[in-house]
């Protein structure tokens, strides 16, 4: 337990420092590059933040592996042992266009199972964290287990890629909910479900670093986090994702799989 507490203190310090550095960057011009397309951006701050986190991890935990968004990750063929999964800025498009609604995300997995998770909503100065079996918190205050609301009684977040497509099952889910909201950050949308502001979040394709931290936080407050067909998340590849209250999750998976069959 002492080792967990020490590790928790270090990660908390690193994530908060990363957030401060990102905020400070608004005072100067930021270099932006496209990755796969004009909506898939990377900035010098993504790279600098990741480098800073990796340096700290390697200094304190040199024998542990790192799986990070802006790295090549060629050596990550499995999740055996301790693996750190990092998204230096989740919601880079928001960071560039709005200077809001983005997060620093760090998770620690051991043999494929989430042990510790951190999502820092930088502009709101809200640090959400979870330790497996100990629940989740925001700035040190415990988050209650979510109320198990059905789809009809809550809002849902749906990724723009899904809503702009022709998936009728997704549109049916949207119609059966109270309404649809979009934030543009997988981590923050997962937090909105984890704190009861949404009953579900549905995404077309999330990378491991989009998923890892939010998954543990969500599960610690009683949510269900799976692929869109109801199968377990595979953290070695991209996944179509549904994270929801148990009641809403069952309804959504039924809609999505019925339309596929």
C-alpha atoms as a PDB file:
ATOM      1  CA  UNK A   1       0.000   0.000   0.000  1.00  0.00           C
ATOM      2  CA  UNK A   2       2.879   2.343   0.732  1.00  0.00           C
ATOM      3  CA  UNK A   3       4.247   1.762  -2.778  1.00  0.00           C
ATOM      4  CA  UNK A   4       0.842   2.536  -4.296  1.00  0.00           C
ATOM      5  CA  UNK A   5       0.557   5.754  -2.306  1.00  0.00           C
ATOM      6  CA  UNK A   6       4.040   6.857  -3.344  1.00  0.00           C
ATOM      7  CA  UNK A   7       3.322   6.083  -6.978  1.00  0.00           C
ATOM      8  CA  UNK A   8       0.026   7.949  -6.735  1.00  0.00           C
ATOM      9  CA  UNK A   9       1.783  11.023  -5.314  1.00  0.00           C
ATOM     10  CA  UNK A  10       4.345  11.014  -8.118  1.00  0.00           C
ATOM     11  CA  UNK A  11       1.819  10.611 -10.931  1.00  0.00           C
ATOM     12  CA  UNK A  12      -0.423  13.301  -9.472  1.00  0.00           C
ATOM     13  CA  UNK A  13       2.532  15.690  -9.335  1.00  0.00           C
ATOM     14  CA  UNK A  14       3.589  14.885 -12.915  1.00  0.00           C
ATOM     15  CA  UNK A  15       0.103  15.298 -14.379  1.00  0.00           C
ATOM     16  CA  UNK A  16      -0.496  18.625 -12.628  1.00  0.00           C
ATOM     17  CA  UNK A  17       2.913  19.879 -13.800  1.00  0.00           C
ATOM     18  CA  UNK A  18       2.043  18.820 -17.342  1.00  0.00           C
ATOM     19  CA  UNK A  19      -1.211  20.770 -17.154  1.00  0.00           C
ATOM     20  CA  UNK A  20       0.577  23.905 -15.989  1.00  0.00           C
ATOM     21  CA  UNK A  21       3.086  23.669 -18.828  1.00  0.00           C
ATOM     22  CA  UNK A  22       0.261  23.288 -21.330  1.00  0.00           C
ATOM     23  CA  UNK A  23      -1.570  26.329 -19.918  1.00  0.00           C
ATOM     24  CA  UNK A  24       1.607  28.379 -20.090  1.00  0.00           C
ATOM     25  CA  UNK A  25       1.949  27.485 -23.783  1.00  0.00           C
ATOM     26  CA  UNK A  26      -1.097  29.613 -24.625  1.00  0.00           C
ATOM     27  CA  UNK A  27       1.092  32.664 -24.186  1.00  0.00           C
ATOM     28  CA  UNK A  28       3.135  31.791 -27.265  1.00  0.00           C
ATOM     29  CA  UNK A  29       2.652  30.462 -30.784  1.00  0.00           C
ATOM     30  CA  UNK A  30       2.179  26.694 -30.973  1.00  0.00           C
ATOM     31  CA  UNK A  31       3.393  24.551 -33.866  1.00  0.00           C
ATOM     32  CA  UNK A  32       0.652  22.291 -35.238  1.00  0.00           C
ATOM     33  CA  UNK A  33       0.997  19.366 -37.663  1.00  0.00           C
ATOM     34  CA  UNK A  34      -1.524  17.061 -39.331  1.00  0.00           C
ATOM     35  CA  UNK A  35      -1.192  13.314 -38.754  1.00  0.00           C
ATOM     36  CA  UNK A  36      -3.674  11.164 -40.691  1.00  0.00           C
ATOM     37  CA  UNK A  37      -5.991  14.027 -41.749  1.00  0.00           C
ATOM     38  CA  UNK A  38      -6.875  17.665 -41.032  1.00  0.00           C
ATOM     39  CA  UNK A  39      -8.889  16.654 -37.943  1.00  0.00           C
ATOM     40  CA  UNK A  40      -6.073  14.497 -36.541  1.00  0.00           C
ATOM     41  CA  UNK A  41      -3.563  16.996 -35.204  1.00  0.00           C
ATOM     42  CA  UNK A  42      -0.430  16.910 -33.127  1.00  0.00           C
ATOM     43  CA  UNK A  43       1.237  19.934 -31.556  1.00  0.00           C
ATOM     44  CA  UNK A  44       4.660  20.540 -30.106  1.00  0.00           C
ATOM     45  CA  UNK A  45       2.930  20.524 -26.702  1.00  0.00           C
ATOM     46  CA  UNK A  46       1.652  16.963 -27.271  1.00  0.00           C
ATOM     47  CA  UNK A  47       5.231  15.926 -27.912  1.00  0.00           C
ATOM     48  CA  UNK A  48       6.790  17.946 -25.078  1.00  0.00           C
ATOM     49  CA  UNK A  49       4.195  16.736 -22.566  1.00  0.00           C
ATOM     50  CA  UNK A  50       4.721  13.124 -23.558  1.00  0.00           C
ATOM     51  CA  UNK A  51       8.496  13.510 -23.371  1.00  0.00           C
ATOM     52  CA  UNK A  52       8.233  15.003 -19.886  1.00  0.00           C
ATOM     53  CA  UNK A  53       6.014  12.184 -18.617  1.00  0.00           C
ATOM     54  CA  UNK A  54       8.220   9.510 -20.166  1.00  0.00           C
ATOM     55  CA  UNK A  55      11.359  11.042 -18.661  1.00  0.00           C
ATOM     56  CA  UNK A  56       9.797  10.978 -15.183  1.00  0.00           C
ATOM     57  CA  UNK A  57       8.566   7.405 -15.563  1.00  0.00           C
ATOM     58  CA  UNK A  58      11.942   6.147 -16.769  1.00  0.00           C
ATOM     59  CA  UNK A  59      13.717   7.912 -13.953  1.00  0.00           C
ATOM     60  CA  UNK A  60      11.562   6.374 -11.223  1.00  0.00           C
ATOM     61  CA  UNK A  61      10.381   3.114 -12.838  1.00  0.00           C
ATOM     62  CA  UNK A  62      13.076   2.146 -15.376  1.00  0.00           C
ATOM     63  CA  UNK A  63      11.970  -1.478 -15.731  1.00  0.00           C
ATOM     64  CA  UNK A  64       8.384  -0.644 -16.745  1.00  0.00           C
ATOM     65  CA  UNK A  65       7.195  -0.236 -20.325  1.00  0.00           C
ATOM     66  CA  UNK A  66       5.476   2.791 -21.857  1.00  0.00           C
ATOM     67  CA  UNK A  67       2.704   2.822 -24.486  1.00  0.00           C
ATOM     68  CA  UNK A  68       2.219   6.444 -25.582  1.00  0.00           C
ATOM     69  CA  UNK A  69       0.342   8.210 -28.377  1.00  0.00           C
ATOM     70  CA  UNK A  70       3.212  10.117 -29.961  1.00  0.00           C
ATOM     71  CA  UNK A  71       5.775   7.300 -29.654  1.00  0.00           C
ATOM     72  CA  UNK A  72       6.392   4.481 -32.167  1.00  0.00           C
ATOM     73  CA  UNK A  73       5.425   1.775 -29.608  1.00  0.00           C
ATOM     74  CA  UNK A  74       6.972  -0.926 -31.774  1.00  0.00           C
ATOM     75  CA  UNK A  75       8.018  -2.982 -28.742  1.00  0.00           C
ATOM     76  CA  UNK A  76       4.464  -3.127 -27.364  1.00  0.00           C
ATOM     77  CA  UNK A  77       3.207  -6.516 -28.566  1.00  0.00           C
ATOM     78  CA  UNK A  78       1.467  -7.446 -25.300  1.00  0.00           C
ATOM     79  CA  UNK A  79       0.508  -5.967 -21.943  1.00  0.00           C
ATOM     80  CA  UNK A  80       2.512  -8.323 -19.768  1.00  0.00           C
ATOM     81  CA  UNK A  81       4.044  -6.799 -16.654  1.00  0.00           C
ATOM     82  CA  UNK A  82       3.575  -3.114 -15.861  1.00  0.00           C
ATOM     83  CA  UNK A  83       2.696  -0.887 -18.814  1.00  0.00           C
ATOM     84  CA  UNK A  84       2.059   2.853 -18.679  1.00  0.00           C
ATOM     85  CA  UNK A  85      -0.491   4.108 -21.226  1.00  0.00           C
ATOM     86  CA  UNK A  86      -0.273   7.825 -21.967  1.00  0.00           C
ATOM     87  CA  UNK A  87      -2.260  10.398 -23.930  1.00  0.00           C
ATOM     88  CA  UNK A  88      -0.398  13.687 -23.420  1.00  0.00           C
ATOM     89  CA  UNK A  89      -3.268  15.832 -24.734  1.00  0.00           C
ATOM     90  CA  UNK A  90      -6.585  14.092 -25.294  1.00  0.00           C
ATOM     91  CA  UNK A  91      -8.686  16.394 -27.449  1.00  0.00           C
ATOM     92  CA  UNK A  92      -5.863  18.047 -29.382  1.00  0.00           C
ATOM     93  CA  UNK A  93      -8.302  19.592 -31.864  1.00  0.00           C
ATOM     94  CA  UNK A  94     -10.099  21.271 -28.955  1.00  0.00           C
ATOM     95  CA  UNK A  95      -6.746  22.372 -27.530  1.00  0.00           C
ATOM     96  CA  UNK A  96      -5.831  24.038 -30.832  1.00  0.00           C
ATOM     97  CA  UNK A  97      -9.212  25.480 -31.811  1.00  0.00           C
ATOM     98  CA  UNK A  98     -10.784  26.315 -28.427  1.00  0.00           C
ATOM     99  CA  UNK A  99      -8.076  26.178 -25.777  1.00  0.00           C
ATOM    100  CA  UNK A 100     -10.615  24.213 -23.740  1.00  0.00           C
ATOM    101  CA  UNK A 101     -12.079  20.716 -23.275  1.00  0.00           C
ATOM    102  CA  UNK A 102      -8.862  18.690 -23.389  1.00  0.00           C
ATOM    103  CA  UNK A 103      -7.123  16.464 -20.844  1.00  0.00           C
ATOM    104  CA  UNK A 104      -3.848  14.838 -19.843  1.00  0.00           C
ATOM    105  CA  UNK A 105      -4.381  11.093 -19.379  1.00  0.00           C
ATOM    106  CA  UNK A 106      -2.133   8.526 -17.707  1.00  0.00           C
ATOM    107  CA  UNK A 107      -2.924   4.930 -16.769  1.00  0.00           C
ATOM    108  CA  UNK A 108      -0.901   2.126 -15.204  1.00  0.00           C
ATOM    109  CA  UNK A 109      -1.812  -1.426 -16.223  1.00  0.00           C
ATOM    110  CA  UNK A 110      -0.410  -4.680 -14.923  1.00  0.00           C
ATOM    111  CA  UNK A 111      -0.824  -7.827 -17.004  1.00  0.00           C
ATOM    112  CA  UNK A 112      -3.574  -6.093 -18.971  1.00  0.00           C
ATOM    113  CA  UNK A 113      -5.578  -4.983 -15.935  1.00  0.00           C
ATOM    114  CA  UNK A 114      -5.965  -1.319 -15.013  1.00  0.00           C
ATOM    115  CA  UNK A 115      -4.421  -0.482 -11.647  1.00  0.00           C
ATOM    116  CA  UNK A 116      -4.227   3.327 -11.578  1.00  0.00           C
ATOM    117  CA  UNK A 117      -5.791   6.013 -13.781  1.00  0.00           C
ATOM    118  CA  UNK A 118      -5.594   9.807 -14.069  1.00  0.00           C
ATOM    119  CA  UNK A 119      -7.513  12.240 -16.274  1.00  0.00           C
ATOM    120  CA  UNK A 120      -6.724  15.915 -15.758  1.00  0.00           C
ATOM    121  CA  UNK A 121      -9.246  18.393 -17.171  1.00  0.00           C
ATOM    122  CA  UNK A 122      -6.634  21.103 -17.505  1.00  0.00           C
ATOM    123  CA  UNK A 123      -8.773  24.211 -17.967  1.00  0.00           C
ATOM    124  CA  UNK A 124     -11.146  23.287 -15.127  1.00  0.00           C
ATOM    125  CA  UNK A 125      -8.280  22.170 -12.869  1.00  0.00           C
ATOM    126  CA  UNK A 126     -10.093  18.905 -12.165  1.00  0.00           C
ATOM    127  CA  UNK A 127      -7.957  15.829 -11.618  1.00  0.00           C
ATOM    128  CA  UNK A 128      -9.967  12.610 -11.739  1.00  0.00           C
ATOM    129  CA  UNK A 129      -8.208   9.478 -10.559  1.00  0.00           C
ATOM    130  CA  UNK A 130      -8.852   5.881  -9.629  1.00  0.00           C
ATOM    131  CA  UNK A 131      -6.993   3.028  -7.988  1.00  0.00           C
ATOM    132  CA  UNK A 132      -8.342  -0.428  -8.681  1.00  0.00           C
ATOM    133  CA  UNK A 133     -10.707  -1.545  -5.949  1.00  0.00           C
ATOM    134  CA  UNK A 134     -10.630   1.830  -4.178  1.00  0.00           C
ATOM    135  CA  UNK A 135     -13.157   3.795  -6.235  1.00  0.00           C
ATOM    136  CA  UNK A 136     -12.608   7.060  -8.087  1.00  0.00           C
ATOM    137  CA  UNK A 137     -12.206  10.663  -7.007  1.00  0.00           C
ATOM    138  CA  UNK A 138     -12.026  14.225  -8.313  1.00  0.00           C
ATOM    139  CA  UNK A 139      -9.432  16.466  -6.634  1.00  0.00           C
ATOM    140  CA  UNK A 140      -9.408  14.023  -3.738  1.00  0.00           C
ATOM    141  CA  UNK A 141     -13.189  13.933  -3.254  1.00  0.00           C
ATOM    142  CA  UNK A 142     -14.768  10.511  -3.703  1.00  0.00           C
ATOM    143  CA  UNK A 143     -17.098  10.093  -6.705  1.00  0.00           C
ATOM    144  CA  UNK A 144     -20.325   8.243  -5.934  1.00  0.00           C
ATOM    145  CA  UNK A 145     -21.338   5.106  -7.788  1.00  0.00           C
ATOM    146  CA  UNK A 146     -23.439   6.173 -10.752  1.00  0.00           C
ATOM    147  CA  UNK A 147     -27.218   5.884 -10.723  1.00  0.00           C
ATOM    148  CA  UNK A 148     -28.222   3.067 -13.083  1.00  0.00           C
ATOM    149  CA  UNK A 149     -30.422   5.111 -15.408  1.00  0.00           C
ATOM    150  CA  UNK A 150     -31.864   3.703 -18.641  1.00  0.00           C
ATOM    151  CA  UNK A 151     -31.241   5.305 -22.004  1.00  0.00           C
ATOM    152  CA  UNK A 152     -34.521   7.231 -22.030  1.00  0.00           C
ATOM    153  CA  UNK A 153     -33.638   9.073 -18.822  1.00  0.00           C
ATOM    154  CA  UNK A 154     -30.287  10.532 -19.814  1.00  0.00           C
ATOM    155  CA  UNK A 155     -28.131  12.314 -22.359  1.00  0.00           C
ATOM    156  CA  UNK A 156     -25.626  10.470 -24.537  1.00  0.00           C
ATOM    157  CA  UNK A 157     -22.348  11.555 -26.117  1.00  0.00           C
ATOM    158  CA  UNK A 158     -21.763  10.209 -29.620  1.00  0.00           C
ATOM    159  CA  UNK A 159     -18.588  10.819 -31.614  1.00  0.00           C
ATOM    160  CA  UNK A 160     -18.931  13.082 -34.632  1.00  0.00           C
ATOM    161  CA  UNK A 161     -17.615  10.284 -36.865  1.00  0.00           C
ATOM    162  CA  UNK A 162     -20.626   8.139 -35.935  1.00  0.00           C
ATOM    163  CA  UNK A 163     -23.225  10.905 -36.071  1.00  0.00           C
ATOM    164  CA  UNK A 164     -22.042  12.142 -39.449  1.00  0.00           C
ATOM    165  CA  UNK A 165     -22.281   8.641 -40.909  1.00  0.00           C
ATOM    166  CA  UNK A 166     -25.239   6.552 -41.984  1.00  0.00           C
ATOM    167  CA  UNK A 167     -25.422   4.180 -39.017  1.00  0.00           C
ATOM    168  CA  UNK A 168     -29.159   3.946 -38.353  1.00  0.00           C
ATOM    169  CA  UNK A 169     -28.637   1.974 -35.134  1.00  0.00           C
ATOM    170  CA  UNK A 170     -26.653   4.863 -33.653  1.00  0.00           C
ATOM    171  CA  UNK A 171     -29.329   7.332 -34.734  1.00  0.00           C
ATOM    172  CA  UNK A 172     -31.951   5.156 -33.066  1.00  0.00           C
ATOM    173  CA  UNK A 173     -29.968   5.212 -29.829  1.00  0.00           C
ATOM    174  CA  UNK A 174     -29.794   8.998 -30.097  1.00  0.00           C
ATOM    175  CA  UNK A 175     -33.558   9.275 -30.599  1.00  0.00           C
ATOM    176  CA  UNK A 176     -34.303   7.046 -27.597  1.00  0.00           C
ATOM    177  CA  UNK A 177     -32.143   9.140 -25.277  1.00  0.00           C
ATOM    178  CA  UNK A 178     -32.964  12.533 -23.784  1.00  0.00           C
ATOM    179  CA  UNK A 179     -30.563  14.120 -26.270  1.00  0.00           C
ATOM    180  CA  UNK A 180     -27.054  14.082 -27.712  1.00  0.00           C
ATOM    181  CA  UNK A 181     -23.984  16.024 -26.610  1.00  0.00           C
ATOM    182  CA  UNK A 182     -20.484  16.191 -28.118  1.00  0.00           C
ATOM    183  CA  UNK A 183     -17.291  17.325 -26.393  1.00  0.00           C
ATOM    184  CA  UNK A 184     -14.517  16.001 -28.615  1.00  0.00           C
ATOM    185  CA  UNK A 185     -12.395  14.370 -25.912  1.00  0.00           C
ATOM    186  CA  UNK A 186     -12.818  10.674 -25.180  1.00  0.00           C
ATOM    187  CA  UNK A 187     -11.478  11.135 -21.671  1.00  0.00           C
ATOM    188  CA  UNK A 188     -13.805  13.986 -20.772  1.00  0.00           C
ATOM    189  CA  UNK A 189     -16.821  12.290 -22.321  1.00  0.00           C
ATOM    190  CA  UNK A 190     -16.066   9.199 -20.249  1.00  0.00           C
ATOM    191  CA  UNK A 191     -15.840  11.413 -17.158  1.00  0.00           C
ATOM    192  CA  UNK A 192     -19.245  12.917 -17.950  1.00  0.00           C
ATOM    193  CA  UNK A 193     -20.710   9.407 -17.867  1.00  0.00           C
ATOM    194  CA  UNK A 194     -18.735   8.598 -14.722  1.00  0.00           C
ATOM    195  CA  UNK A 195     -20.187  11.615 -12.902  1.00  0.00           C
ATOM    196  CA  UNK A 196     -23.794  11.089 -14.031  1.00  0.00           C
ATOM    197  CA  UNK A 197     -24.004  13.950 -16.517  1.00  0.00           C
ATOM    198  CA  UNK A 198     -24.464  11.427 -19.333  1.00  0.00           C
ATOM    199  CA  UNK A 199     -25.775   7.868 -19.352  1.00  0.00           C
ATOM    200  CA  UNK A 200     -23.537   6.764 -22.218  1.00  0.00           C
ATOM    201  CA  UNK A 201     -20.684   7.607 -24.547  1.00  0.00           C
ATOM    202  CA  UNK A 202     -20.373   5.894 -27.930  1.00  0.00           C
ATOM    203  CA  UNK A 203     -17.300   6.219 -30.160  1.00  0.00           C
ATOM    204  CA  UNK A 204     -16.412   4.744 -33.530  1.00  0.00           C
ATOM    205  CA  UNK A 205     -12.702   4.124 -33.014  1.00  0.00           C
ATOM    206  CA  UNK A 206     -10.638   4.831 -29.915  1.00  0.00           C
ATOM    207  CA  UNK A 207      -6.947   4.071 -29.534  1.00  0.00           C
ATOM    208  CA  UNK A 208      -5.603   2.398 -26.367  1.00  0.00           C
ATOM    209  CA  UNK A 209      -4.458   5.749 -24.900  1.00  0.00           C
ATOM    210  CA  UNK A 210      -7.971   7.167 -25.482  1.00  0.00           C
ATOM    211  CA  UNK A 211      -9.421   4.290 -23.470  1.00  0.00           C
ATOM    212  CA  UNK A 212      -7.057   3.145 -20.726  1.00  0.00           C
ATOM    213  CA  UNK A 213      -7.495   5.778 -18.011  1.00  0.00           C
ATOM    214  CA  UNK A 214     -11.210   6.333 -18.561  1.00  0.00           C
ATOM    215  CA  UNK A 215     -11.972   2.628 -18.527  1.00  0.00           C
ATOM    216  CA  UNK A 216     -10.678   2.110 -14.997  1.00  0.00           C
ATOM    217  CA  UNK A 217     -12.377   5.255 -13.668  1.00  0.00           C
ATOM    218  CA  UNK A 218     -15.658   4.243 -15.300  1.00  0.00           C
ATOM    219  CA  UNK A 219     -15.567   0.721 -13.921  1.00  0.00           C
ATOM    220  CA  UNK A 220     -14.722   1.951 -10.425  1.00  0.00           C
ATOM    221  CA  UNK A 221     -18.010   3.919 -10.342  1.00  0.00           C
ATOM    222  CA  UNK A 222     -20.156   1.066 -11.668  1.00  0.00           C
ATOM    223  CA  UNK A 223     -20.205   1.676 -15.421  1.00  0.00           C
ATOM    224  CA  UNK A 224     -19.790  -0.916 -18.160  1.00  0.00           C
ATOM    225  CA  UNK A 225     -17.041  -0.277 -20.738  1.00  0.00           C
ATOM    226  CA  UNK A 226     -16.900  -2.567 -23.801  1.00  0.00           C
ATOM    227  CA  UNK A 227     -16.562  -2.674 -27.538  1.00  0.00           C
ATOM    228  CA  UNK A 228     -19.696  -1.795 -29.534  1.00  0.00           C
ATOM    229  CA  UNK A 229     -20.525  -5.500 -29.971  1.00  0.00           C
ATOM    230  CA  UNK A 230     -20.380  -6.084 -26.226  1.00  0.00           C
ATOM    231  CA  UNK A 231     -16.984  -7.805 -26.278  1.00  0.00           C
ATOM    232  CA  UNK A 232     -14.062  -6.885 -24.026  1.00  0.00           C
ATOM    233  CA  UNK A 233     -11.818  -3.980 -24.919  1.00  0.00           C
ATOM    234  CA  UNK A 234      -8.550  -4.916 -26.664  1.00  0.00           C
ATOM    235  CA  UNK A 235      -5.936  -2.404 -25.531  1.00  0.00           C
ATOM    236  CA  UNK A 236      -3.511  -3.386 -28.292  1.00  0.00           C
ATOM    237  CA  UNK A 237      -5.673  -1.933 -31.067  1.00  0.00           C
ATOM    238  CA  UNK A 238      -8.380   0.634 -31.828  1.00  0.00           C
ATOM    239  CA  UNK A 239     -11.878  -0.204 -30.562  1.00  0.00           C
ATOM    240  CA  UNK A 240     -15.425   0.934 -31.271  1.00  0.00           C
ATOM    241  CA  UNK A 241     -16.547   1.784 -27.744  1.00  0.00           C
ATOM    242  CA  UNK A 242     -19.650   1.964 -25.560  1.00  0.00           C
ATOM    243  CA  UNK A 243     -19.320   3.142 -21.957  1.00  0.00           C
ATOM    244  CA  UNK A 244     -22.611   3.431 -20.112  1.00  0.00           C
ATOM    245  CA  UNK A 245     -24.691   2.676 -17.070  1.00  0.00           C
ATOM    246  CA  UNK A 246     -25.507  -1.041 -16.945  1.00  0.00           C
ATOM    247  CA  UNK A 247     -29.122  -0.411 -18.028  1.00  0.00           C
ATOM    248  CA  UNK A 248     -28.232   1.932 -20.884  1.00  0.00           C
ATOM    249  CA  UNK A 249     -25.342  -0.281 -21.960  1.00  0.00           C
ATOM    250  CA  UNK A 250     -27.613  -3.282 -22.373  1.00  0.00           C
ATOM    251  CA  UNK A 251     -30.053  -1.270 -24.506  1.00  0.00           C
ATOM    252  CA  UNK A 252     -27.344   0.283 -26.668  1.00  0.00           C
ATOM    253  CA  UNK A 253     -25.528  -2.995 -27.349  1.00  0.00           C
ATOM    254  CA  UNK A 254     -28.862  -4.578 -28.284  1.00  0.00           C
ATOM    255  CA  UNK A 255     -29.562  -1.823 -30.816  1.00  0.00           C
ATOM    256  CA  UNK A 256     -26.067  -1.905 -32.295  1.00  0.00           C
ATOM    257  CA  UNK A 257     -25.811  -5.691 -32.610  1.00  0.00           C
ATOM    258  CA  UNK A 258     -29.363  -6.131 -33.931  1.00  0.00           C
ATOM    259  CA  UNK A 259     -28.612  -3.795 -36.810  1.00  0.00           C
ATOM    260  CA  UNK A 260     -25.395  -5.679 -37.574  1.00  0.00           C
ATOM    261  CA  UNK A 261     -27.039  -9.095 -37.679  1.00  0.00           C
END
